[in-house]
Protein backbone atom coordinates (compact mmCIF):
# COMPACT_ATOMS: atom_id res chain seq x y z
CA MET A 1 70.30 -42.58 -33.75
CA ALA A 2 68.99 -39.15 -35.11
CA ASP A 3 68.12 -36.48 -32.25
CA ASN A 4 64.77 -36.39 -33.75
CA GLU A 5 64.00 -40.22 -33.01
CA LYS A 6 66.19 -40.26 -29.17
CA GLN A 7 63.52 -37.27 -28.28
CA THR A 8 60.83 -39.43 -29.38
CA THR A 9 62.31 -42.20 -27.62
CA GLU A 10 62.86 -40.23 -24.41
CA ALA A 11 59.27 -38.85 -24.50
CA ALA A 12 58.02 -42.04 -24.80
CA ALA A 13 59.91 -43.39 -21.74
CA LYS A 14 58.39 -41.00 -19.62
CA PRO A 15 55.19 -41.69 -17.30
CA ALA A 16 52.31 -39.53 -18.10
CA ALA A 17 51.82 -37.02 -16.21
CA LYS A 18 48.76 -37.49 -13.32
CA PRO A 19 45.76 -35.60 -13.60
CA VAL A 20 45.84 -33.28 -11.19
CA ALA A 21 43.23 -33.72 -8.79
CA LYS A 22 39.58 -31.07 -7.83
CA ALA A 23 40.48 -29.75 -4.29
CA PRO A 24 37.16 -31.32 -2.66
CA ALA A 25 33.69 -29.25 -2.62
CA ALA A 26 33.98 -27.30 1.26
CA PRO A 27 31.37 -28.71 3.49
CA PRO A 28 27.87 -26.77 3.48
CA PRO A 29 27.75 -24.05 6.69
CA PRO A 30 26.16 -26.30 9.71
CA PRO A 31 22.39 -25.47 10.37
CA GLY A 32 22.38 -24.44 13.45
CA PRO A 33 23.81 -26.57 17.06
CA PRO A 34 22.83 -29.98 17.76
CA ASP A 35 20.98 -29.34 20.30
CA PRO A 36 19.60 -33.00 21.34
CA PRO A 37 16.89 -33.73 23.89
CA PRO A 38 17.76 -35.74 26.74
CA PRO A 39 18.26 -39.77 26.06
CA ALA A 40 15.21 -41.63 27.46
CA ASP A 41 17.66 -42.96 30.40
CA VAL A 42 18.68 -39.48 31.44
CA GLU A 43 16.43 -38.39 34.19
CA ILE A 44 15.76 -34.41 33.86
CA PRO A 45 17.13 -32.81 36.71
CA ALA A 46 14.59 -31.65 39.71
CA HIS A 47 15.30 -28.09 38.94
CA LEU A 48 14.23 -28.00 35.57
CA GLN A 49 10.92 -30.44 36.10
CA ALA A 50 10.27 -27.58 38.86
CA LEU A 51 11.01 -24.51 36.33
CA GLN A 52 8.69 -26.20 33.70
CA ALA A 53 5.82 -26.65 35.76
CA ALA A 54 6.58 -23.02 37.91
CA LEU A 55 6.58 -21.25 33.92
CA PRO A 56 4.24 -23.07 31.45
CA GLY A 57 5.40 -22.53 27.92
CA ALA A 58 8.45 -20.59 29.16
CA VAL A 59 10.38 -23.79 28.62
CA VAL A 60 10.88 -24.60 24.47
CA ALA A 61 12.84 -27.41 24.73
CA LEU A 62 15.39 -29.14 26.96
CA SER A 63 18.76 -30.03 25.84
CA TYR A 64 21.49 -32.62 26.95
CA TYR A 65 25.04 -32.93 25.44
CA LEU A 66 28.18 -33.80 26.65
CA ARG A 67 27.06 -33.84 30.15
CA ASP A 68 25.64 -30.20 29.92
CA TRP A 69 21.99 -29.55 30.22
CA THR A 70 20.42 -27.16 28.23
CA VAL A 71 17.45 -25.01 28.56
CA ILE A 72 15.73 -23.18 25.26
CA VAL A 73 12.94 -20.25 25.97
CA ALA A 74 11.03 -18.70 24.60
CA PRO A 75 12.93 -15.21 23.59
CA GLU A 76 9.51 -13.11 25.12
CA ARG A 77 10.05 -15.13 28.37
CA VAL A 78 13.83 -15.13 29.17
CA VAL A 79 13.69 -12.45 32.04
CA GLU A 80 10.90 -14.33 33.70
CA THR A 81 13.19 -17.41 33.78
CA ALA A 82 16.32 -15.85 34.54
CA GLY A 83 14.63 -14.51 37.70
CA TRP A 84 12.90 -17.89 38.11
CA LEU A 85 16.96 -19.24 37.99
CA ARG A 86 17.50 -17.42 40.18
CA GLN A 87 15.96 -17.36 43.40
CA ALA A 88 14.25 -20.49 43.45
CA GLU A 89 15.29 -22.59 46.37
CA GLY A 90 16.36 -25.95 43.78
CA ALA A 91 18.10 -23.72 41.48
CA ALA A 92 19.67 -21.22 43.12
CA PHE A 93 21.55 -19.76 39.65
CA ASP A 94 23.47 -16.86 41.11
CA TYR A 95 26.44 -16.30 38.75
CA CYS A 96 25.66 -15.64 35.19
CA SER A 97 29.55 -15.95 33.89
CA ASP A 98 28.68 -15.42 29.97
CA VAL A 99 26.10 -13.84 27.71
CA THR A 100 27.04 -14.59 23.97
CA ALA A 101 25.18 -14.81 20.95
CA VAL A 102 25.96 -17.54 17.53
CA ASP A 103 24.24 -16.28 14.31
CA TRP A 104 23.02 -19.07 12.30
CA LEU A 105 22.93 -17.41 9.07
CA SER A 106 21.83 -20.23 7.16
CA ARG A 107 19.64 -21.21 9.44
CA GLU A 108 15.73 -21.64 8.51
CA GLY A 109 13.86 -19.63 11.34
CA PRO A 110 15.41 -17.56 13.90
CA ARG A 111 18.68 -16.20 12.81
CA PHE A 112 20.54 -16.09 16.41
CA ASP A 113 20.96 -17.55 19.91
CA VAL A 114 21.12 -15.73 22.34
CA VAL A 115 22.94 -18.03 24.88
CA TYR A 116 23.55 -17.18 28.65
CA CYS A 117 25.96 -19.57 30.49
CA LEU A 118 24.57 -19.71 34.69
CA TYR A 119 26.51 -21.53 37.51
CA SER A 120 24.86 -21.89 41.19
CA THR A 121 27.79 -21.10 44.10
CA ALA A 122 25.37 -23.12 46.71
CA THR A 123 24.80 -26.22 44.18
CA ARG A 124 27.89 -25.95 42.48
CA GLN A 125 25.65 -26.59 38.96
CA ARG A 126 25.91 -25.36 35.74
CA LEU A 127 23.49 -24.67 33.51
CA ARG A 128 22.99 -23.33 29.82
CA MET A 129 20.28 -20.71 29.06
CA LYS A 130 19.27 -20.34 25.59
CA ALA A 131 16.93 -17.87 23.05
CA ARG A 132 16.14 -18.24 19.62
CA LEU A 133 15.98 -14.68 18.16
CA ALA A 134 15.37 -13.36 14.65
CA ASP A 135 17.48 -10.75 12.97
CA GLY A 136 15.95 -7.58 13.62
CA ALA A 137 13.61 -8.58 17.42
CA ALA A 138 14.44 -7.21 20.72
CA ILE A 139 15.11 -9.13 23.65
CA GLY A 140 14.63 -8.31 27.49
CA SER A 141 17.94 -7.34 29.76
CA VAL A 142 18.89 -9.44 32.56
CA ALA A 143 21.86 -7.39 33.90
CA GLY A 144 18.58 -6.19 36.58
CA VAL A 145 18.58 -9.96 37.75
CA TRP A 146 22.49 -10.63 37.11
CA SER A 147 24.31 -7.36 37.39
CA SER A 148 27.16 -9.26 35.52
CA ALA A 149 25.08 -9.46 32.43
CA ASN A 150 25.71 -5.59 32.11
CA TRP A 151 28.61 -5.30 29.89
CA LEU A 152 28.15 -8.51 28.65
CA GLU A 153 24.85 -7.69 27.15
CA ARG A 154 26.71 -4.19 25.43
CA GLU A 155 29.40 -6.30 23.88
CA VAL A 156 26.38 -9.00 22.23
CA TYR A 157 24.98 -5.51 21.49
CA ASP A 158 28.06 -4.11 19.94
CA MET A 159 29.11 -7.30 18.16
CA PHE A 160 25.54 -8.52 17.05
CA GLY A 161 23.53 -5.93 17.12
CA ILE A 162 20.98 -7.60 19.48
CA THR A 163 18.77 -5.15 21.16
CA PHE A 164 18.14 -6.01 25.29
CA THR A 165 15.19 -3.87 26.35
CA GLY A 166 15.49 -2.14 29.54
CA HIS A 167 19.37 -2.49 29.71
CA PRO A 168 20.59 0.31 31.87
CA ASP A 169 23.37 1.81 29.23
CA LEU A 170 22.68 0.40 26.07
CA ARG A 171 25.80 1.25 23.76
CA ARG A 172 29.14 -0.07 22.29
CA ILE A 173 31.53 -1.50 24.12
CA LEU A 174 34.36 -2.39 22.23
CA MET A 175 33.95 -0.94 19.09
CA PRO A 176 33.71 3.62 18.45
CA GLU A 177 30.31 4.85 18.90
CA GLU A 178 30.52 5.56 15.17
CA TRP A 179 31.64 2.21 13.66
CA GLN A 180 29.29 0.67 11.32
CA GLY A 181 28.15 -2.44 11.25
CA HIS A 182 28.48 -5.41 14.12
CA PRO A 183 31.82 -7.14 13.72
CA GLN A 184 30.77 -10.83 14.47
CA ARG A 185 27.49 -11.02 12.33
CA LYS A 186 28.19 -14.07 9.37
CA ASP A 187 27.08 -11.58 6.75
CA TYR A 188 29.87 -8.53 7.79
CA PRO A 189 32.96 -8.17 5.47
CA LEU A 190 36.49 -9.25 6.44
CA GLU A 191 37.73 -6.24 5.44
CA GLY A 192 35.60 -4.13 8.03
CA PRO A 193 33.79 -1.23 6.58
CA GLY A 194 37.16 0.70 5.96
CA GLU A 195 36.88 4.12 4.38
CA LEU A 196 33.31 3.48 2.41
CA ILE A 197 31.13 4.68 5.34
CA LEU A 198 27.74 3.41 4.89
CA GLU A 199 24.14 2.53 6.73
CA SER A 200 25.20 -1.68 6.21
CA PRO A 201 28.04 -3.99 5.49
CA GLN A 202 25.55 -5.53 2.80
CA GLU A 203 25.80 -2.25 1.35
CA TRP A 204 29.43 -1.61 1.59
CA LEU A 205 29.97 -5.27 -0.36
CA LYS A 206 27.81 -4.09 -3.02
CA LEU A 207 30.01 -0.96 -3.79
CA ARG A 208 33.25 -3.05 -3.28
CA GLN A 209 32.34 -5.59 -5.79
CA SER A 210 31.35 -3.08 -8.09
CA PHE A 211 34.35 -1.41 -7.47
CA ASN A 212 36.27 -4.68 -8.67
CA GLU A 213 33.86 -5.59 -11.56
CA ALA A 214 35.06 -2.10 -13.37
CA GLU A 215 38.65 -2.86 -12.64
CA ILE A 216 38.24 -6.14 -14.31
CA GLU A 217 36.87 -4.78 -17.11
């Protein structure tokens, strides 16, 4: 058999190459936390019913998820609500174990959730208090209600840029004072501000992109 005929026969015997499957598209970012309302067969705890009665309009919504209760509060009434939750006899949430925030960059409406994790040493109950806060808006400090919130609020200020009015010493706690931007915001550059110290991470990203485009050209 001639060499060219042999090559043709071998080529025909080989199975056709399978098309390369495209990688699935990345799912869109979640619009926000679930915060489902309590089911009809779950009774609202007495202290949450009392809170709604004592501070009308302060509670925006109640949520029950994975057997945990969350009270969503109007941001301008967080300090008032915190004081009630600590002092009220049926609540007695005397310990704030954590203050943190979540950046829902793609969410319509307020961008941030400011979250307070509370515990009552008297009743051994836990509660999550949450406030939805717009970018650039400030929220009252609860350091006067729970002293443990002092450093926790400073961390949220440092990482997310959220201002707590009335805080006794609001300044960075993890990053250097001269650091640009707030590292846990979703629009913060993953590489950090680097040597290009600018007023905002967005400006740094635009300048970095222009450098990359110039190198490609």
